[in-house]
Protein backbone atom coordinates (compact mmCIF):
# COMPACT_ATOMS: atom_id res chain seq x y z
CA UNK A 1 -65.31 -90.52 -113.68
CA UNK A 2 -66.09 -90.97 -110.01
CA UNK A 3 -64.74 -94.53 -110.07
CA UNK A 4 -61.47 -93.47 -111.66
CA UNK A 5 -61.12 -90.65 -109.11
CA UNK A 6 -61.64 -93.11 -106.29
CA UNK A 7 -59.14 -95.52 -107.79
CA UNK A 8 -56.61 -92.71 -108.15
CA UNK A 9 -57.09 -91.61 -104.58
CA UNK A 10 -56.75 -95.24 -103.46
CA UNK A 11 -53.44 -95.51 -105.32
CA UNK A 12 -52.14 -92.37 -103.67
CA UNK A 13 -53.24 -93.70 -100.29
CA UNK A 14 -51.49 -96.97 -101.04
CA UNK A 15 -48.32 -95.14 -102.00
CA UNK A 16 -48.45 -93.02 -98.87
CA UNK A 17 -49.09 -95.90 -96.48
CA UNK A 18 -46.85 -98.40 -98.24
CA UNK A 19 -49.71 -100.82 -98.96
CA UNK A 20 -49.62 -103.31 -101.83
CA UNK A 21 -53.30 -104.28 -101.94
CA UNK A 22 -56.08 -101.71 -101.40
CA UNK A 23 -59.76 -102.28 -102.20
CA UNK A 24 -61.77 -99.22 -103.23
CA UNK A 25 -65.37 -98.84 -102.03
CA UNK A 26 -67.97 -98.47 -104.78
CA UNK A 27 -65.90 -100.13 -107.49
CA UNK A 28 -64.90 -103.65 -108.36
CA UNK A 29 -61.17 -102.92 -108.80
CA UNK A 30 -58.74 -104.70 -106.50
CA UNK A 31 -55.04 -104.01 -107.13
CA UNK A 32 -52.57 -106.65 -106.15
CA UNK A 33 -49.57 -105.42 -108.10
CA UNK A 34 -48.45 -101.89 -107.20
CA UNK A 35 -46.13 -101.72 -110.22
CA UNK A 36 -48.99 -102.52 -112.64
CA UNK A 37 -51.13 -99.81 -111.08
CA UNK A 38 -48.40 -97.21 -111.46
CA UNK A 39 -47.88 -98.16 -115.12
CA UNK A 40 -51.53 -98.28 -116.21
CA UNK A 41 -53.59 -96.05 -113.92
CA UNK A 42 -51.22 -93.36 -112.69
CA UNK A 43 -49.12 -90.88 -114.59
CA UNK A 44 -46.22 -89.20 -112.72
CA UNK A 45 -44.19 -86.63 -114.56
CA UNK A 46 -40.45 -86.50 -113.98
CA UNK A 47 -39.37 -83.49 -111.91
CA UNK A 48 -37.48 -80.81 -113.72
CA UNK A 49 -35.31 -79.81 -110.75
CA UNK A 50 -34.79 -81.59 -107.47
CA UNK A 51 -33.51 -79.69 -104.41
CA UNK A 52 -32.01 -81.79 -101.63
CA UNK A 53 -31.89 -80.09 -98.23
CA UNK A 54 -29.92 -81.68 -95.41
CA UNK A 55 -31.83 -81.65 -92.12
CA UNK A 56 -30.70 -82.67 -88.68
CA UNK A 57 -32.69 -85.25 -86.77
CA UNK A 58 -34.24 -83.34 -83.86
CA UNK A 59 -35.01 -84.86 -80.48
CA UNK A 60 -35.20 -83.73 -76.88
CA UNK A 61 -31.48 -84.51 -76.52
CA UNK A 62 -30.47 -81.60 -78.76
CA UNK A 63 -33.46 -79.37 -78.00
CA UNK A 64 -32.82 -79.15 -74.24
CA UNK A 65 -29.78 -77.92 -72.38
CA UNK A 66 -27.58 -80.14 -70.22
CA UNK A 67 -28.96 -78.62 -67.00
CA UNK A 68 -32.54 -79.36 -68.07
CA UNK A 69 -31.63 -82.95 -68.92
CA UNK A 70 -29.91 -83.44 -65.54
CA UNK A 71 -32.97 -82.07 -63.77
CA UNK A 72 -35.06 -84.75 -65.41
CA UNK A 73 -32.62 -87.47 -64.40
CA UNK A 74 -32.19 -86.33 -60.80
CA UNK A 75 -35.91 -85.54 -60.28
CA UNK A 76 -35.18 -82.05 -58.99
CA UNK A 77 -38.44 -80.64 -60.34
CA UNK A 78 -42.06 -81.64 -60.14
CA UNK A 79 -44.89 -81.44 -57.66
CA UNK A 80 -43.71 -84.53 -55.79
CA UNK A 81 -40.31 -83.03 -55.11
CA UNK A 82 -41.79 -79.71 -53.99
CA UNK A 83 -44.03 -81.51 -51.52
CA UNK A 84 -41.16 -83.47 -50.04
CA UNK A 85 -41.84 -86.83 -51.68
CA UNK A 86 -39.05 -89.41 -51.86
CA UNK A 87 -36.96 -87.97 -49.02
CA UNK A 88 -35.42 -91.34 -48.14
CA UNK A 89 -34.18 -92.39 -51.57
CA UNK A 90 -30.48 -92.34 -52.29
CA UNK A 91 -29.43 -88.91 -53.48
CA UNK A 92 -28.03 -88.79 -57.00
CA UNK A 93 -25.30 -86.30 -57.77
CA UNK A 94 -24.91 -84.44 -61.02
CA UNK A 95 -21.86 -85.55 -62.97
CA UNK A 96 -19.94 -83.47 -65.49
CA UNK A 97 -19.65 -85.77 -68.49
CA UNK A 98 -17.44 -83.27 -70.33
CA UNK A 99 -14.78 -83.37 -67.63
CA UNK A 100 -11.51 -84.75 -69.02
CA UNK A 101 -12.83 -84.84 -72.59
CA UNK A 102 -10.74 -83.13 -75.28
CA UNK A 103 -12.48 -82.40 -78.59
CA UNK A 104 -10.66 -84.21 -81.38
CA UNK A 105 -8.92 -86.71 -79.12
CA UNK A 106 -9.54 -90.37 -79.89
CA UNK A 107 -8.04 -93.84 -79.98
CA UNK A 108 -6.59 -93.37 -83.47
CA UNK A 109 -4.32 -90.56 -82.30
CA UNK A 110 -5.12 -88.05 -85.04
CA UNK A 111 -3.95 -84.48 -84.51
CA UNK A 112 -6.53 -81.95 -85.65
CA UNK A 113 -5.21 -78.36 -85.81
CA UNK A 114 -7.41 -76.12 -83.71
CA UNK A 115 -8.85 -78.97 -81.61
CA UNK A 116 -6.18 -81.09 -79.98
CA UNK A 117 -3.18 -79.46 -81.67
CA UNK A 118 -2.14 -75.83 -82.26
CA UNK A 119 -3.06 -74.28 -85.60
CA UNK A 120 0.29 -72.57 -86.10
CA UNK A 121 3.69 -74.05 -85.39
CA UNK A 122 6.95 -72.31 -86.16
CA UNK A 123 5.09 -69.74 -88.27
CA UNK A 124 3.44 -72.34 -90.52
CA UNK A 125 -0.08 -73.72 -90.58
CA UNK A 126 -0.13 -77.33 -89.44
CA UNK A 127 -1.79 -80.10 -91.36
CA UNK A 128 -3.72 -83.08 -90.03
CA UNK A 129 -1.28 -85.59 -88.56
CA UNK A 130 -1.17 -88.68 -86.41
CA UNK A 131 0.82 -89.65 -83.34
CA UNK A 132 3.08 -92.64 -83.35
CA UNK A 133 2.01 -95.73 -81.43
CA UNK A 134 4.20 -95.22 -78.33
CA UNK A 135 3.07 -91.62 -77.83
CA UNK A 136 -0.59 -92.59 -78.27
CA UNK A 137 -0.29 -95.35 -75.65
CA UNK A 138 1.24 -92.85 -73.22
CA UNK A 139 -1.53 -90.28 -73.79
CA UNK A 140 -4.27 -92.89 -73.27
CA UNK A 141 -2.65 -94.17 -70.07
CA UNK A 142 -2.43 -90.60 -68.70
CA UNK A 143 -6.15 -90.09 -69.38
CA UNK A 144 -7.07 -93.34 -67.62
CA UNK A 145 -4.83 -92.48 -64.64
CA UNK A 146 -6.39 -89.02 -64.33
CA UNK A 147 -9.91 -90.48 -64.32
CA UNK A 148 -8.95 -92.96 -61.61
CA UNK A 149 -7.60 -90.11 -59.47
CA UNK A 150 -10.89 -88.21 -59.86
CA UNK A 151 -12.88 -91.27 -58.79
CA UNK A 152 -10.67 -91.81 -55.73
CA UNK A 153 -10.85 -88.14 -54.79
CA UNK A 154 -14.65 -88.24 -55.02
CA UNK A 155 -14.87 -91.27 -52.76
CA UNK A 156 -12.51 -89.91 -50.08
CA UNK A 157 -14.45 -88.23 -47.25
CA UNK A 158 -12.93 -85.06 -45.89
CA UNK A 159 -12.58 -85.33 -42.11
CA UNK A 160 -14.55 -82.52 -40.53
CA UNK A 161 -13.29 -80.66 -37.51
CA UNK A 162 -14.98 -81.78 -34.32
CA UNK A 163 -17.37 -79.32 -32.72
CA UNK A 164 -19.12 -79.57 -29.36
CA UNK A 165 -20.00 -83.20 -30.07
CA UNK A 166 -19.12 -85.72 -32.73
CA UNK A 167 -22.26 -85.36 -34.86
CA UNK A 168 -23.17 -81.74 -34.09
CA UNK A 169 -22.36 -78.71 -36.25
CA UNK A 170 -22.16 -76.48 -33.18
CA UNK A 171 -18.68 -75.08 -32.53
CA UNK A 172 -17.27 -76.01 -35.97
CA UNK A 173 -15.02 -73.42 -37.61
CA UNK A 174 -15.95 -72.18 -41.10
CA UNK A 175 -12.82 -70.11 -41.64
CA UNK A 176 -12.74 -66.38 -42.45
CA UNK A 177 -15.61 -64.75 -44.37
CA UNK A 178 -15.36 -64.37 -48.14
CA UNK A 179 -13.68 -61.23 -49.56
CA UNK A 180 -15.93 -58.22 -50.12
CA UNK A 181 -16.94 -56.55 -53.35
CA UNK A 182 -14.20 -53.93 -53.05
CA UNK A 183 -11.49 -56.53 -52.45
CA UNK A 184 -11.36 -56.26 -48.64
CA UNK A 185 -10.29 -59.46 -46.90
CA UNK A 186 -11.00 -60.74 -43.39
CA UNK A 187 -8.04 -62.99 -42.72
CA UNK A 188 -7.93 -62.01 -39.01
CA UNK A 189 -11.51 -63.21 -38.43
CA UNK A 190 -12.79 -66.68 -37.73
CA UNK A 191 -16.38 -67.92 -37.87
CA UNK A 192 -18.02 -70.58 -35.73
CA UNK A 193 -21.37 -72.34 -36.06
CA UNK A 194 -23.67 -71.90 -33.08
CA UNK A 195 -26.76 -73.64 -34.44
CA UNK A 196 -27.76 -75.45 -37.64
CA UNK A 197 -31.29 -76.79 -37.93
CA UNK A 198 -33.97 -77.71 -40.47
CA UNK A 199 -37.04 -75.50 -40.54
CA UNK A 200 -40.31 -76.03 -42.40
CA UNK A 201 -42.87 -73.63 -43.82
CA UNK A 202 -46.37 -74.84 -44.63
CA UNK A 203 -47.67 -73.44 -47.93
CA UNK A 204 -50.94 -74.02 -49.75
CA UNK A 205 -49.41 -75.17 -53.06
CA UNK A 206 -46.27 -77.04 -51.98
CA UNK A 207 -47.17 -78.24 -48.50
CA UNK A 208 -44.26 -78.53 -46.08
CA UNK A 209 -41.37 -76.60 -47.59
CA UNK A 210 -38.01 -77.42 -46.02
CA UNK A 211 -35.14 -74.99 -45.57
CA UNK A 212 -31.98 -74.83 -43.46
CA UNK A 213 -31.35 -72.12 -40.85
CA UNK A 214 -27.79 -71.41 -39.65
CA UNK A 215 -26.62 -69.17 -36.78
CA UNK A 216 -22.97 -68.16 -37.16
CA UNK A 217 -20.73 -65.90 -35.02
CA UNK A 218 -17.59 -64.23 -36.38
CA UNK A 219 -14.78 -62.54 -34.42
CA UNK A 220 -11.12 -61.62 -34.55
CA UNK A 221 -10.21 -62.47 -30.93
CA UNK A 222 -9.46 -58.82 -30.22
CA UNK A 223 -12.83 -57.36 -29.20
CA UNK A 224 -14.65 -57.30 -32.59
CA UNK A 225 -17.43 -59.85 -33.08
CA UNK A 226 -20.85 -60.21 -34.68
CA UNK A 227 -23.52 -62.78 -35.47
CA UNK A 228 -26.13 -63.39 -38.17
CA UNK A 229 -28.69 -65.94 -39.32
CA UNK A 230 -28.68 -67.38 -42.84
CA UNK A 231 -31.43 -69.42 -44.52
CA UNK A 232 -31.26 -71.45 -47.72
CA UNK A 233 -32.50 -74.65 -49.26
CA UNK A 234 -29.21 -76.48 -48.64
CA UNK A 235 -26.80 -76.56 -45.72
CA UNK A 236 -23.60 -75.10 -47.17
CA UNK A 237 -25.39 -72.14 -48.78
CA UNK A 238 -27.05 -71.27 -45.46
CA UNK A 239 -23.69 -71.41 -43.64
CA UNK A 240 -22.00 -69.26 -46.28
CA UNK A 241 -24.79 -66.65 -46.23
CA UNK A 242 -24.73 -66.44 -42.41
CA UNK A 243 -20.93 -66.16 -42.33
CA UNK A 244 -20.76 -63.39 -44.93
CA UNK A 245 -23.71 -61.52 -43.39
CA UNK A 246 -22.30 -61.58 -39.84
CA UNK A 247 -19.20 -59.61 -40.86
CA UNK A 248 -21.47 -56.60 -41.61
CA UNK A 249 -22.95 -56.54 -38.07
CA UNK A 250 -19.87 -56.24 -35.87
CA UNK A 251 -19.86 -55.10 -32.22
CA UNK A 252 -16.81 -53.86 -30.37
CA UNK A 253 -16.67 -55.35 -26.88
CA UNK A 254 -14.66 -53.62 -24.17
CA UNK A 255 -12.42 -55.92 -22.10
CA UNK A 256 -10.61 -55.38 -18.83
CA UNK A 257 -6.88 -55.96 -19.33
CA UNK A 258 -7.76 -57.93 -22.50
CA UNK A 259 -8.90 -61.03 -20.62
CA UNK A 260 -12.28 -60.47 -18.90
CA UNK A 261 -15.28 -58.15 -18.69
CA UNK A 262 -15.21 -54.80 -16.89
CA UNK A 263 -17.86 -55.62 -14.27
CA UNK A 264 -20.55 -58.14 -13.43
CA UNK A 265 -23.45 -58.16 -15.89
CA UNK A 266 -27.03 -59.42 -15.66
CA UNK A 267 -28.78 -59.40 -19.03
CA UNK A 268 -32.17 -60.67 -20.17
CA UNK A 269 -33.55 -61.29 -23.64
CA UNK A 270 -37.10 -62.64 -23.80
CA UNK A 271 -37.13 -65.69 -21.45
CA UNK A 272 -33.34 -66.07 -21.32
CA UNK A 273 -31.38 -64.59 -18.41
CA UNK A 274 -27.58 -64.67 -18.14
CA UNK A 275 -25.50 -63.52 -15.16
CA UNK A 276 -21.84 -62.96 -16.06
CA UNK A 277 -19.15 -62.43 -13.44
CA UNK A 278 -15.75 -60.89 -13.84
CA UNK A 279 -12.90 -63.30 -12.96
CA UNK A 280 -9.17 -63.11 -12.33
CA UNK A 281 -6.59 -64.15 -14.86
CA UNK A 282 -6.24 -67.91 -15.13
CA UNK A 283 -9.80 -68.71 -14.05
CA UNK A 284 -10.90 -69.84 -17.51
CA UNK A 285 -14.32 -69.91 -19.12
CA UNK A 286 -16.88 -71.63 -16.84
CA UNK A 287 -20.15 -71.20 -18.70
CA UNK A 288 -22.43 -72.60 -21.41
CA UNK A 289 -20.65 -74.06 -24.43
CA UNK A 290 -22.22 -71.51 -26.79
CA UNK A 291 -21.04 -68.67 -24.50
CA UNK A 292 -17.54 -70.23 -24.45
CA UNK A 293 -17.45 -70.19 -28.28
CA UNK A 294 -18.61 -66.56 -28.40
CA UNK A 295 -16.09 -65.47 -25.74
CA UNK A 296 -13.19 -67.09 -27.60
CA UNK A 297 -14.12 -65.20 -30.78
CA UNK A 298 -14.32 -61.94 -28.80
CA UNK A 299 -11.07 -62.53 -26.92
CA UNK A 300 -12.41 -63.09 -23.39
CA UNK A 301 -10.48 -65.83 -21.59
CA UNK A 302 -11.74 -65.57 -17.97
CA UNK A 303 -15.46 -65.50 -17.21
CA UNK A 304 -18.16 -67.20 -15.18
CA UNK A 305 -21.70 -67.18 -16.61
CA UNK A 306 -24.89 -68.72 -15.27
CA UNK A 307 -27.79 -69.35 -17.67
CA UNK A 308 -31.35 -69.47 -16.39
CA UNK A 309 -34.67 -69.68 -18.19
CA UNK A 310 -34.83 -70.65 -21.84
CA UNK A 311 -31.73 -72.12 -23.45
CA UNK A 312 -32.72 -71.14 -27.00
CA UNK A 313 -29.41 -70.56 -28.78
CA UNK A 314 -30.55 -67.53 -30.77
CA UNK A 315 -31.93 -65.81 -27.66
CA UNK A 316 -28.78 -66.79 -25.75
CA UNK A 317 -26.55 -65.20 -28.43
CA UNK A 318 -28.63 -62.04 -28.47
CA UNK A 319 -28.53 -61.81 -24.67
CA UNK A 320 -24.73 -62.21 -24.57
CA UNK A 321 -24.13 -59.47 -27.15
CA UNK A 322 -26.73 -57.22 -25.54
CA UNK A 323 -25.07 -57.47 -22.12
CA UNK A 324 -21.48 -57.12 -23.37
CA UNK A 325 -22.29 -54.15 -25.62
CA UNK A 326 -23.93 -52.19 -22.77
CA UNK A 327 -21.21 -52.62 -20.16
CA UNK A 328 -19.46 -49.49 -18.86
CA UNK A 329 -15.70 -49.17 -18.74
CA UNK A 330 -14.03 -47.99 -15.55
CA UNK A 331 -13.18 -44.65 -17.13
CA UNK A 332 -16.77 -44.07 -18.24
CA UNK A 333 -18.00 -44.88 -14.71
CA UNK A 334 -15.46 -42.51 -13.15
CA UNK A 335 -16.48 -39.66 -15.48
CA UNK A 336 -20.15 -40.34 -14.84
CA UNK A 337 -19.90 -40.33 -11.04
CA UNK A 338 -16.98 -37.85 -10.73
CA UNK A 339 -15.41 -40.31 -8.32
CA UNK A 340 -12.43 -42.64 -8.26
CA UNK A 341 -13.04 -46.24 -9.25
CA UNK A 342 -11.18 -48.61 -6.98
CA UNK A 343 -10.70 -52.35 -6.94
CA UNK A 344 -10.01 -54.69 -4.05
CA UNK A 345 -7.78 -57.63 -4.77
CA UNK A 346 -7.01 -60.61 -2.59
CA UNK A 347 -3.25 -60.18 -2.83
CA UNK A 348 -3.48 -56.54 -1.67
CA UNK A 349 -5.66 -57.17 1.38
CA UNK A 350 -7.89 -54.24 2.50
CA UNK A 351 -5.95 -51.67 0.45
CA UNK A 352 -7.88 -50.45 -2.60
CA UNK A 353 -6.26 -50.06 -6.03
CA UNK A 354 -7.33 -47.09 -8.17
CA UNK A 355 -8.21 -48.31 -11.66
CA UNK A 356 -9.77 -45.09 -13.08
CA UNK A 357 -9.81 -41.37 -12.21
CA UNK A 358 -12.34 -38.77 -13.37
CA UNK A 359 -11.21 -36.26 -15.97
CA UNK A 360 -12.86 -33.32 -14.15
CA UNK A 361 -13.03 -32.33 -10.52
CA UNK A 362 -13.62 -35.01 -7.93
CA UNK A 363 -16.96 -34.77 -6.13
CA UNK A 364 -16.59 -33.92 -2.44
CA UNK A 365 -19.95 -35.10 -1.12
CA UNK A 366 -20.69 -38.82 -0.94
CA UNK A 367 -22.96 -40.59 -3.37
CA UNK A 368 -26.70 -40.11 -2.59
CA UNK A 369 -28.66 -43.10 -1.44
CA UNK A 370 -31.03 -43.02 -4.43
CA UNK A 371 -28.09 -43.49 -6.78
CA UNK A 372 -26.94 -46.70 -5.10
CA UNK A 373 -27.88 -49.52 -7.52
CA UNK A 374 -30.49 -51.96 -6.30
CA UNK A 375 -28.70 -55.26 -6.97
CA UNK A 376 -30.80 -58.38 -6.96
CA UNK A 377 -29.13 -61.11 -4.92
CA UNK A 378 -29.39 -64.77 -5.78
CA UNK A 379 -30.43 -66.90 -2.83
CA UNK A 380 -28.09 -69.74 -3.79
CA UNK A 381 -25.13 -67.34 -3.71
CA UNK A 382 -26.22 -65.96 -0.34
CA UNK A 383 -26.38 -69.47 1.10
CA UNK A 384 -22.92 -70.28 -0.21
CA UNK A 385 -21.51 -67.01 1.20
CA UNK A 386 -23.04 -67.69 4.64
CA UNK A 387 -21.92 -71.31 4.65
CA UNK A 388 -25.41 -72.75 5.07
CA UNK A 389 -25.63 -74.48 1.72
CA UNK A 390 -25.51 -78.26 2.05
CA UNK A 391 -24.95 -80.88 -0.54
CA UNK A 392 -27.99 -82.85 -1.74
CA UNK A 393 -25.95 -86.03 -1.18
CA UNK A 394 -25.17 -85.27 2.50
CA UNK A 395 -27.73 -87.64 4.10
CA UNK A 396 -27.75 -90.28 1.39
CA UNK A 397 -26.61 -93.70 2.64
CA UNK A 398 -23.99 -95.20 0.38
CA UNK A 399 -23.28 -98.89 0.08
CA UNK A 400 -19.85 -99.87 1.30
CA UNK A 401 -18.23 -102.47 -0.95
């Protein structure tokens, strides 16, 4: 009984594994003919009812989405990518394989209603048809031509507007900010990049984590301007975030006759100090290139500015907006002092020109001495005014050719 059970189990194992010869331990039987075994030693009853169920072959191609598959191809995930491994390999771009594909379209030219042909035509349901040979050749040539145009368009590099230098992002225009949630548009505004740099954050799990920081200033050229910083993992997202965020932090800057500042300003932010001087019309912008970009967005066309201390662009931008936002207009100064505000111009000689009058009564007594502002003078300007400043090249002997 035990030997027959072992032989039966050996037959079943042979059937399962596809073996023809299978020795059984503990017995002297050795089957070399699988058909003879099935006829003599095994009895299989015929099934009464057989149910056939169609199943789809499953693999990771139809279990995962297209985005997950592309992540595996492009190596966008994994510990190595998070730690910054493989930074110098050629970047692979995700391609849309469904672009230009029409379901039902093929080389045979069959027309399938609902796929590549309308279901109803002239009030009647269409049947499956086929294009003639000339029409099919035309359709295939159009598809090939369209794919060639896509490839050429992908290879063409869009020429970027030049900024302060050829390879720098500073001074490049990004256009107006995106429309708001309520449909408001900002067509009158323009945005300029002040600084774009890579920053890194050291974390315990991922190591050095890279991100992009962008400083963008927006303005309409008519006194309204603002700035913001945007951070993201890629460059264009950081620029877009900074541009759209800056429109929500606008300052209104007062201008004298719509071309310069109202008075001289000295402003300090951290280690950055900027001295701005009011200039006549036609003088131009003689200052740092970042200050020139900011002034153009505000609408200031004539200004002299001297930068001293740190030239950090974020601190410089903050110092410029801090000084311009705190300046007093001539009318505010006249109302504060209850005196006339006058201006001396070169073309008028010693005669003063009244530029603002107080709204109330004019003060009779002169201004007290303690109210006179204590202005800090720059020694270089004093030397120039007294004519004692000499050029550093005055005593240098030059070779005569």
